[in-house]
C-alpha atoms as a PDB file:
ATOM      1  CA  MET A   1       0.056  -0.090  -0.111  1.00  0.00           C
ATOM      2  CA  TYR A   2       1.085   3.794  -0.137  1.00  0.00           C
ATOM      3  CA  GLN A   3       3.328   2.840  -3.278  1.00  0.00           C
ATOM      4  CA  ASN A   4       1.481   5.399  -5.190  1.00  0.00           C
ATOM      5  CA  HIS A   5      -0.433   8.833  -4.063  1.00  0.00           C
ATOM      6  CA  PHE A   6      -3.923   9.473  -3.995  1.00  0.00           C
ATOM      7  CA  PHE A   7      -6.756  11.442  -3.275  1.00  0.00           C
ATOM      8  CA  ILE A   8      -9.873  11.146  -0.840  1.00  0.00           C
ATOM      9  CA  THR A   9     -12.942  12.696  -2.540  1.00  0.00           C
ATOM     10  CA  ASP A  10     -15.421  11.244  -0.348  1.00  0.00           C
ATOM     11  CA  SER A  11     -16.643  12.475   3.106  1.00  0.00           C
ATOM     12  CA  VAL A  12     -14.739   9.875   5.108  1.00  0.00           C
ATOM     13  CA  SER A  13     -11.658   9.892   7.146  1.00  0.00           C
ATOM     14  CA  ASN A  14      -9.894  13.628   7.450  1.00  0.00           C
ATOM     15  CA  ASN A  15     -11.852  14.906   4.487  1.00  0.00           C
ATOM     16  CA  ALA A  16     -15.018  14.477   6.665  1.00  0.00           C
ATOM     17  CA  PHE A  17     -14.003  17.727   8.535  1.00  0.00           C
ATOM     18  CA  SER A  18     -16.187  20.565   7.537  1.00  0.00           C
ATOM     19  CA  PHE A  19     -16.995  18.540   4.232  1.00  0.00           C
ATOM     20  CA  ASP A  20     -20.050  20.650   3.587  1.00  0.00           C
ATOM     21  CA  LYS A  21     -18.337  24.135   4.107  1.00  0.00           C
ATOM     22  CA  ARG A  22     -15.572  23.483   1.364  1.00  0.00           C
ATOM     23  CA  VAL A  23     -15.904  23.706  -2.391  1.00  0.00           C
ATOM     24  CA  LYS A  24     -14.745  20.293  -4.189  1.00  0.00           C
ATOM     25  CA  PRO A  25     -13.147  18.846  -1.123  1.00  0.00           C
ATOM     26  CA  LYS A  26     -10.363  16.370  -1.680  1.00  0.00           C
ATOM     27  CA  LEU A  27      -7.457  15.490   0.350  1.00  0.00           C
ATOM     28  CA  TYR A  28      -3.902  14.497  -1.030  1.00  0.00           C
ATOM     29  CA  VAL A  29      -2.240  11.415   0.529  1.00  0.00           C
ATOM     30  CA  PRO A  30       1.438  11.107  -0.408  1.00  0.00           C
ATOM     31  CA  ASP A  31       3.160   7.813  -1.400  1.00  0.00           C
ATOM     32  CA  LEU A  32       6.008   6.231   0.852  1.00  0.00           C
ATOM     33  CA  ILE A  33       9.411   6.299  -0.247  1.00  0.00           C
ATOM     34  CA  GLU A  34      12.664   4.651   1.481  1.00  0.00           C
ATOM     35  CA  GLY A  35      15.020   7.453   2.289  1.00  0.00           C
ATOM     36  CA  ASN A  36      16.826   9.714   4.803  1.00  0.00           C
ATOM     37  CA  LEU A  37      16.017  13.232   6.320  1.00  0.00           C
ATOM     38  CA  GLU A  38      16.858  14.932   2.978  1.00  0.00           C
ATOM     39  CA  ASN A  39      13.859  13.183   1.527  1.00  0.00           C
ATOM     40  CA  VAL A  40      11.527  14.745   3.982  1.00  0.00           C
ATOM     41  CA  GLY A  41       9.953  18.060   2.529  1.00  0.00           C
ATOM     42  CA  MET A  42       6.876  20.056   1.835  1.00  0.00           C
ATOM     43  CA  GLY A  43       4.579  18.993  -0.908  1.00  0.00           C
ATOM     44  CA  ASP A  44       2.176  21.285  -3.058  1.00  0.00           C
ATOM     45  CA  GLU A  45      -1.106  19.348  -2.294  1.00  0.00           C
ATOM     46  CA  ILE A  46      -3.685  19.893   0.577  1.00  0.00           C
ATOM     47  CA  VAL A  47      -3.852  17.117   2.945  1.00  0.00           C
ATOM     48  CA  PHE A  48      -6.025  18.463   5.685  1.00  0.00           C
ATOM     49  CA  GLU A  49      -8.928  21.237   5.475  1.00  0.00           C
ATOM     50  CA  ASP A  50     -10.955  22.421   8.462  1.00  0.00           C
ATOM     51  CA  THR A  51     -12.165  25.617  10.240  1.00  0.00           C
ATOM     52  CA  ASP A  52      -9.869  26.667  13.103  1.00  0.00           C
ATOM     53  CA  GLU A  53     -11.175  28.310  16.470  1.00  0.00           C
ATOM     54  CA  ASN A  54     -12.324  31.284  14.633  1.00  0.00           C
ATOM     55  CA  GLY A  55     -14.501  29.400  12.078  1.00  0.00           C
ATOM     56  CA  ASP A  56     -12.110  30.205   9.067  1.00  0.00           C
ATOM     57  CA  LEU A  57     -11.213  27.679   6.744  1.00  0.00           C
ATOM     58  CA  LYS A  58      -7.570  26.459   6.909  1.00  0.00           C
ATOM     59  CA  SER A  59      -6.279  24.625   4.245  1.00  0.00           C
ATOM     60  CA  CYS A  60      -2.961  22.718   4.843  1.00  0.00           C
ATOM     61  CA  LYS A  61      -0.199  21.386   2.693  1.00  0.00           C
ATOM     62  CA  GLY A  62       1.628  18.519   3.823  1.00  0.00           C
ATOM     63  CA  LEU A  63       4.463  16.314   2.852  1.00  0.00           C
ATOM     64  CA  ARG A  64       5.757  15.561  -0.651  1.00  0.00           C
ATOM     65  CA  HIS A  65       6.499  11.770   0.421  1.00  0.00           C
ATOM     66  CA  PHE A  66       5.918   9.819   3.415  1.00  0.00           C
ATOM     67  CA  VAL A  67       9.367   8.656   4.156  1.00  0.00           C
ATOM     68  CA  ARG A  68      10.781   5.370   5.922  1.00  0.00           C
ATOM     69  CA  ILE A  69      14.350   6.295   7.619  1.00  0.00           C
ATOM     70  CA  PRO A  70      16.339   3.913   9.696  1.00  0.00           C
ATOM     71  CA  HIS A  71      17.200   5.328  13.251  1.00  0.00           C
ATOM     72  CA  PRO A  72      20.968   6.470  12.856  1.00  0.00           C
ATOM     73  CA  GLU A  73      21.871   4.271  15.990  1.00  0.00           C
ATOM     74  CA  THR A  74      19.584   1.590  16.236  1.00  0.00           C
ATOM     75  CA  LYS A  75      18.531   1.026  12.844  1.00  0.00           C
ATOM     76  CA  LYS A  76      14.948   0.497  13.755  1.00  0.00           C
ATOM     77  CA  PRO A  77      12.561   1.851  11.490  1.00  0.00           C
ATOM     78  CA  ILE A  78      11.140   5.489  11.588  1.00  0.00           C
ATOM     79  CA  VAL A  79       7.932   6.007   9.313  1.00  0.00           C
ATOM     80  CA  VAL A  80       7.268   9.815   8.605  1.00  0.00           C
ATOM     81  CA  VAL A  81       3.807  10.773   7.680  1.00  0.00           C
ATOM     82  CA  ASP A  82       1.721  14.163   7.818  1.00  0.00           C
ATOM     83  CA  ASN A  83      -1.789  13.354   9.077  1.00  0.00           C
ATOM     84  CA  HIS A  84      -1.349  11.209  12.151  1.00  0.00           C
ATOM     85  CA  ASN A  85      -3.948   8.328  11.085  1.00  0.00           C
ATOM     86  CA  HIS A  86      -1.757   6.837   8.583  1.00  0.00           C
ATOM     87  CA  VAL A  87       0.530   5.356  11.259  1.00  0.00           C
ATOM     88  CA  PHE A  88      -1.921   2.986  12.138  1.00  0.00           C
ATOM     89  CA  TYR A  89      -1.251   1.150   8.802  1.00  0.00           C
ATOM     90  CA  PHE A  90       2.571   0.807   9.561  1.00  0.00           C
ATOM     91  CA  TRP A  91       1.752  -0.614  13.013  1.00  0.00           C
ATOM     92  CA  TYR A  92       0.312  -3.355  11.204  1.00  0.00           C
ATOM     93  CA  GLU A  93       2.618  -3.599   8.511  1.00  0.00           C
ATOM     94  CA  ALA A  94       5.639  -3.806  11.445  1.00  0.00           C
ATOM     95  CA  LEU A  95       3.633  -6.526  13.423  1.00  0.00           C
ATOM     96  CA  GLN A  96       3.353  -8.503   9.832  1.00  0.00           C
ATOM     97  CA  LYS A  97       6.697  -7.856   9.537  1.00  0.00           C
ATOM     98  CA  GLY A  98       7.907  -9.311  12.701  1.00  0.00           C
ATOM     99  CA  LEU A  99       9.179  -5.930  14.026  1.00  0.00           C
ATOM    100  CA  ILE A 100       6.918  -5.727  16.811  1.00  0.00           C
ATOM    101  CA  SER A 101       4.895  -8.308  18.881  1.00  0.00           C
ATOM    102  CA  GLU A 102       1.144  -8.316  20.193  1.00  0.00           C
ATOM    103  CA  SER A 103       0.362  -6.184  22.999  1.00  0.00           C
ATOM    104  CA  ALA A 104       2.986  -3.723  22.296  1.00  0.00           C
ATOM    105  CA  THR A 105       3.651  -0.555  24.510  1.00  0.00           C
ATOM    106  CA  LEU A 106       2.547   2.711  22.699  1.00  0.00           C
ATOM    107  CA  VAL A 107       4.472   5.683  24.051  1.00  0.00           C
ATOM    108  CA  HIS A 108       2.500   8.800  22.380  1.00  0.00           C
ATOM    109  CA  ILE A 109       4.290  11.829  22.574  1.00  0.00           C
ATOM    110  CA  ASP A 110       1.516  14.460  21.459  1.00  0.00           C
ATOM    111  CA  GLN A 111      -0.224  17.645  22.330  1.00  0.00           C
ATOM    112  CA  HIS A 112      -3.540  15.784  21.921  1.00  0.00           C
ATOM    113  CA  LYS A 113      -4.393  12.367  22.975  1.00  0.00           C
ATOM    114  CA  ASP A 114      -6.030  11.012  19.982  1.00  0.00           C
ATOM    115  CA  THR A 115      -8.164   8.532  21.701  1.00  0.00           C
ATOM    116  CA  ARG A 116     -11.323   9.364  20.343  1.00  0.00           C
ATOM    117  CA  LYS A 117     -13.567   5.963  19.342  1.00  0.00           C
ATOM    118  CA  PRO A 118     -14.303   5.590  15.726  1.00  0.00           C
ATOM    119  CA  ASP A 119     -17.653   4.465  14.467  1.00  0.00           C
ATOM    120  CA  GLU A 120     -16.238   1.038  13.271  1.00  0.00           C
ATOM    121  CA  LEU A 121     -13.532  -1.113  14.603  1.00  0.00           C
ATOM    122  CA  LEU A 122     -11.046  -3.007  12.413  1.00  0.00           C
ATOM    123  CA  ASN A 123     -12.277  -6.315  11.623  1.00  0.00           C
ATOM    124  CA  SER A 124      -9.349  -8.045   9.665  1.00  0.00           C
ATOM    125  CA  ARG A 125      -5.442  -7.697   9.640  1.00  0.00           C
ATOM    126  CA  ASP A 126      -5.416  -8.382   6.255  1.00  0.00           C
ATOM    127  CA  LEU A 127      -2.928  -5.157   5.279  1.00  0.00           C
ATOM    128  CA  GLU A 128      -5.169  -4.138   2.398  1.00  0.00           C
ATOM    129  CA  THR A 129      -8.211  -4.080   4.878  1.00  0.00           C
ATOM    130  CA  VAL A 130      -5.865  -2.010   7.152  1.00  0.00           C
ATOM    131  CA  PHE A 131      -5.191   0.268   4.401  1.00  0.00           C
ATOM    132  CA  LYS A 132      -8.823   0.951   3.482  1.00  0.00           C
ATOM    133  CA  TYR A 133      -9.758   1.211   7.354  1.00  0.00           C
ATOM    134  CA  THR A 134      -6.924   3.823   7.942  1.00  0.00           C
ATOM    135  CA  ASN A 135      -7.988   6.231   4.871  1.00  0.00           C
ATOM    136  CA  SER A 136     -11.889   5.680   5.484  1.00  0.00           C
ATOM    137  CA  ILE A 137     -12.795   5.209   8.944  1.00  0.00           C
ATOM    138  CA  LEU A 138     -10.085   6.777  10.878  1.00  0.00           C
ATOM    139  CA  ASN A 139      -8.696  10.184  11.289  1.00  0.00           C
ATOM    140  CA  VAL A 140      -6.177  12.063  13.204  1.00  0.00           C
ATOM    141  CA  GLY A 141      -8.168  11.882  16.713  1.00  0.00           C
ATOM    142  CA  ASN A 142      -9.435   8.324  16.872  1.00  0.00           C
ATOM    143  CA  TYR A 143      -6.679   5.796  15.551  1.00  0.00           C
ATOM    144  CA  ILE A 144      -5.508   4.571  18.964  1.00  0.00           C
ATOM    145  CA  PRO A 145      -8.561   2.906  20.519  1.00  0.00           C
ATOM    146  CA  PRO A 146      -9.153   0.416  17.507  1.00  0.00           C
ATOM    147  CA  ALA A 147      -5.523  -0.505  17.962  1.00  0.00           C
ATOM    148  CA  MET A 148      -6.009  -1.238  21.610  1.00  0.00           C
ATOM    149  CA  GLU A 149      -9.343  -3.241  21.126  1.00  0.00           C
ATOM    150  CA  ASP A 150      -7.717  -5.329  18.854  1.00  0.00           C
ATOM    151  CA  GLY A 151      -4.675  -6.289  21.006  1.00  0.00           C
ATOM    152  CA  LEU A 152      -1.905  -4.593  18.975  1.00  0.00           C
ATOM    153  CA  ILE A 153      -1.536  -2.095  21.507  1.00  0.00           C
ATOM    154  CA  GLY A 154      -1.297  -3.309  25.032  1.00  0.00           C
ATOM    155  CA  GLU A 155      -0.186  -0.337  27.284  1.00  0.00           C
ATOM    156  CA  LEU A 156      -0.593   3.254  26.439  1.00  0.00           C
ATOM    157  CA  ILE A 157       1.692   5.761  27.884  1.00  0.00           C
ATOM    158  CA  SER A 158       0.436   9.076  27.102  1.00  0.00           C
ATOM    159  CA  VAL A 159       2.876  12.124  26.980  1.00  0.00           C
ATOM    160  CA  THR A 160       0.692  15.343  26.326  1.00  0.00           C
ATOM    161  CA  SER A 161       2.172  17.917  28.970  1.00  0.00           C
ATOM    162  CA  GLU A 162       5.284  18.794  30.836  1.00  0.00           C
ATOM    163  CA  SER A 163       4.401  16.634  33.988  1.00  0.00           C
ATOM    164  CA  ASP A 164       4.127  13.354  31.722  1.00  0.00           C
ATOM    165  CA  LEU A 165       7.956  13.883  30.788  1.00  0.00           C
ATOM    166  CA  GLN A 166       8.835  12.641  34.263  1.00  0.00           C
ATOM    167  CA  ILE A 167       8.068   9.124  33.317  1.00  0.00           C
ATOM    168  CA  GLU A 168      11.389   7.289  33.386  1.00  0.00           C
ATOM    169  CA  VAL A 169      12.709   5.412  30.301  1.00  0.00           C
ATOM    170  CA  SER A 170      12.819   1.917  31.658  1.00  0.00           C
ATOM    171  CA  ALA A 171      13.479  -1.668  30.185  1.00  0.00           C
ATOM    172  CA  GLN A 172      10.367  -3.171  28.814  1.00  0.00           C
ATOM    173  CA  GLU A 173       9.217  -6.803  28.326  1.00  0.00           C
ATOM    174  CA  SER A 174       6.763  -5.741  25.708  1.00  0.00           C
ATOM    175  CA  SER A 175       7.597  -4.223  22.236  1.00  0.00           C
ATOM    176  CA  ILE A 176       7.819  -0.319  21.907  1.00  0.00           C
ATOM    177  CA  ILE A 177       6.086   1.585  19.389  1.00  0.00           C
ATOM    178  CA  LEU A 178       7.270   5.246  19.922  1.00  0.00           C
ATOM    179  CA  ASN A 179       4.413   7.700  18.415  1.00  0.00           C
ATOM    180  CA  ILE A 180       5.301  11.128  18.127  1.00  0.00           C
ATOM    181  CA  ASP A 181       3.556  14.330  16.802  1.00  0.00           C
ATOM    182  CA  LEU A 182       5.724  17.173  16.035  1.00  0.00           C
ATOM    183  CA  ASP A 183       3.021  19.490  17.172  1.00  0.00           C
ATOM    184  CA  PHE A 184       4.326  18.769  20.940  1.00  0.00           C
ATOM    185  CA  TRP A 185       6.735  21.176  19.699  1.00  0.00           C
ATOM    186  CA  ALA A 186       4.328  24.047  18.543  1.00  0.00           C
ATOM    187  CA  PRO A 187       4.695  27.415  19.996  1.00  0.00           C
ATOM    188  CA  GLU A 188       1.707  27.033  22.240  1.00  0.00           C
ATOM    189  CA  MET A 189       3.831  24.089  24.143  1.00  0.00           C
ATOM    190  CA  ASN A 190       6.656  26.564  24.571  1.00  0.00           C
ATOM    191  CA  TYR A 191       6.181  26.225  28.240  1.00  0.00           C
ATOM    192  CA  ILE A 192       7.919  23.095  28.263  1.00  0.00           C
ATOM    193  CA  ASP A 193      11.567  23.122  27.929  1.00  0.00           C
ATOM    194  CA  ARG A 194      12.471  22.240  24.269  1.00  0.00           C
ATOM    195  CA  ASN A 195      15.995  20.934  25.067  1.00  0.00           C
ATOM    196  CA  SER A 196      14.970  18.414  27.957  1.00  0.00           C
ATOM    197  CA  SER A 197      11.792  17.286  25.705  1.00  0.00           C
ATOM    198  CA  LEU A 198      14.066  16.620  22.731  1.00  0.00           C
ATOM    199  CA  ASP A 199      16.408  14.950  24.882  1.00  0.00           C
ATOM    200  CA  TYR A 200      13.742  12.787  26.441  1.00  0.00           C
ATOM    201  CA  THR A 201      12.273  11.810  23.162  1.00  0.00           C
ATOM    202  CA  ARG A 202      15.797  10.753  21.807  1.00  0.00           C
ATOM    203  CA  GLU A 203      16.019   8.391  24.703  1.00  0.00           C
ATOM    204  CA  TRP A 204      12.640   6.656  23.834  1.00  0.00           C
ATOM    205  CA  MET A 205      13.853   6.679  20.330  1.00  0.00           C
ATOM    206  CA  LYS A 206      16.748   4.422  21.463  1.00  0.00           C
ATOM    207  CA  LYS A 207      14.257   2.046  23.015  1.00  0.00           C
ATOM    208  CA  ALA A 208      11.644   1.751  20.319  1.00  0.00           C
ATOM    209  CA  ASP A 209      11.188  -1.019  18.049  1.00  0.00           C
ATOM    210  CA  LEU A 210       9.269   1.208  15.675  1.00  0.00           C
ATOM    211  CA  ILE A 211       8.908   5.046  15.485  1.00  0.00           C
ATOM    212  CA  THR A 212       6.143   6.667  13.924  1.00  0.00           C
ATOM    213  CA  ILE A 213       6.070  10.596  13.534  1.00  0.00           C
ATOM    214  CA  SER A 214       3.401  13.035  12.175  1.00  0.00           C
ATOM    215  CA  THR A 215       4.189  16.497  10.843  1.00  0.00           C
ATOM    216  CA  SER A 216       0.404  17.445  11.637  1.00  0.00           C
ATOM    217  CA  PRO A 217      -0.272  20.200   9.065  1.00  0.00           C
ATOM    218  CA  PHE A 218      -3.234  21.474  11.008  1.00  0.00           C
ATOM    219  CA  PHE A 219      -1.338  21.954  14.273  1.00  0.00           C
ATOM    220  CA  ILE A 220       2.088  23.191  13.464  1.00  0.00           C
ATOM    221  CA  ASP A 221       3.831  24.769  10.930  1.00  0.00           C
ATOM    222  CA  GLN A 222       5.364  22.353   8.599  1.00  0.00           C
ATOM    223  CA  ALA A 223       8.904  24.247   8.266  1.00  0.00           C
ATOM    224  CA  LEU A 224       9.072  24.085  12.183  1.00  0.00           C
ATOM    225  CA  ALA A 225       7.821  20.357  12.006  1.00  0.00           C
ATOM    226  CA  ILE A 226      10.569  19.411  10.052  1.00  0.00           C
ATOM    227  CA  GLU A 227      13.286  21.382  11.461  1.00  0.00           C
ATOM    228  CA  THR A 228      12.137  19.725  15.063  1.00  0.00           C
ATOM    229  CA  LEU A 229      12.156  16.419  13.033  1.00  0.00           C
ATOM    230  CA  LYS A 230      15.838  17.062  12.216  1.00  0.00           C
ATOM    231  CA  ALA A 231      16.746  17.804  15.755  1.00  0.00           C
ATOM    232  CA  LEU A 232      15.300  14.540  16.921  1.00  0.00           C
ATOM    233  CA  VAL A 233      16.814  12.318  14.162  1.00  0.00           C
ATOM    234  CA  ILE A 234      20.479  13.512  14.180  1.00  0.00           C
ATOM    235  CA  GLU A 235      21.961  11.220  11.482  1.00  0.00           C
END
């Protein structure tokens, strides 16, 4: 899946947000490439549209490509996407490849909890089904609960604030998925010391079996997101 880019044109997934308020609503989903940090760059297509807190329509461009990068030290995979729900597919892909095991621990570093429940749960682990589910049922706020209901995720460690950074990095018996939303470093989160939060996240990255990262176009400027990504992944 994700070998080719495509558009979502129906009122599903992230395209359902403010669907009736938009003219010819459609969202772009990039293709996935194998690469490095230099391959992570801004695209020209709208990947997310919704009204902001003032009721104004906000159209957000995302990545040119999704990119799979090896961690510079551990060589474990890092998958970089724009809208966060896409990581759901890559969790199941990693499970089928034997990179993670059942009941994995999910360390979720994000400004948001992303734990709203979708209307439907996943009914098959076939990757084609997972792909369709990711891009038709899931959106940026509801992709964690179905992975927990299905047993792929066991424990959820949610880091959404400064106090959560006190959670210690310790040995885990289960596989570890580190799931990062770069909006954790958006300007409204500046009350958290940037250097300490980056250090904390890098330590988790060394422990993780799989790292999924979202640039979250609606919630953080993409140039800042990519700058933060490069601060986390020091090649």
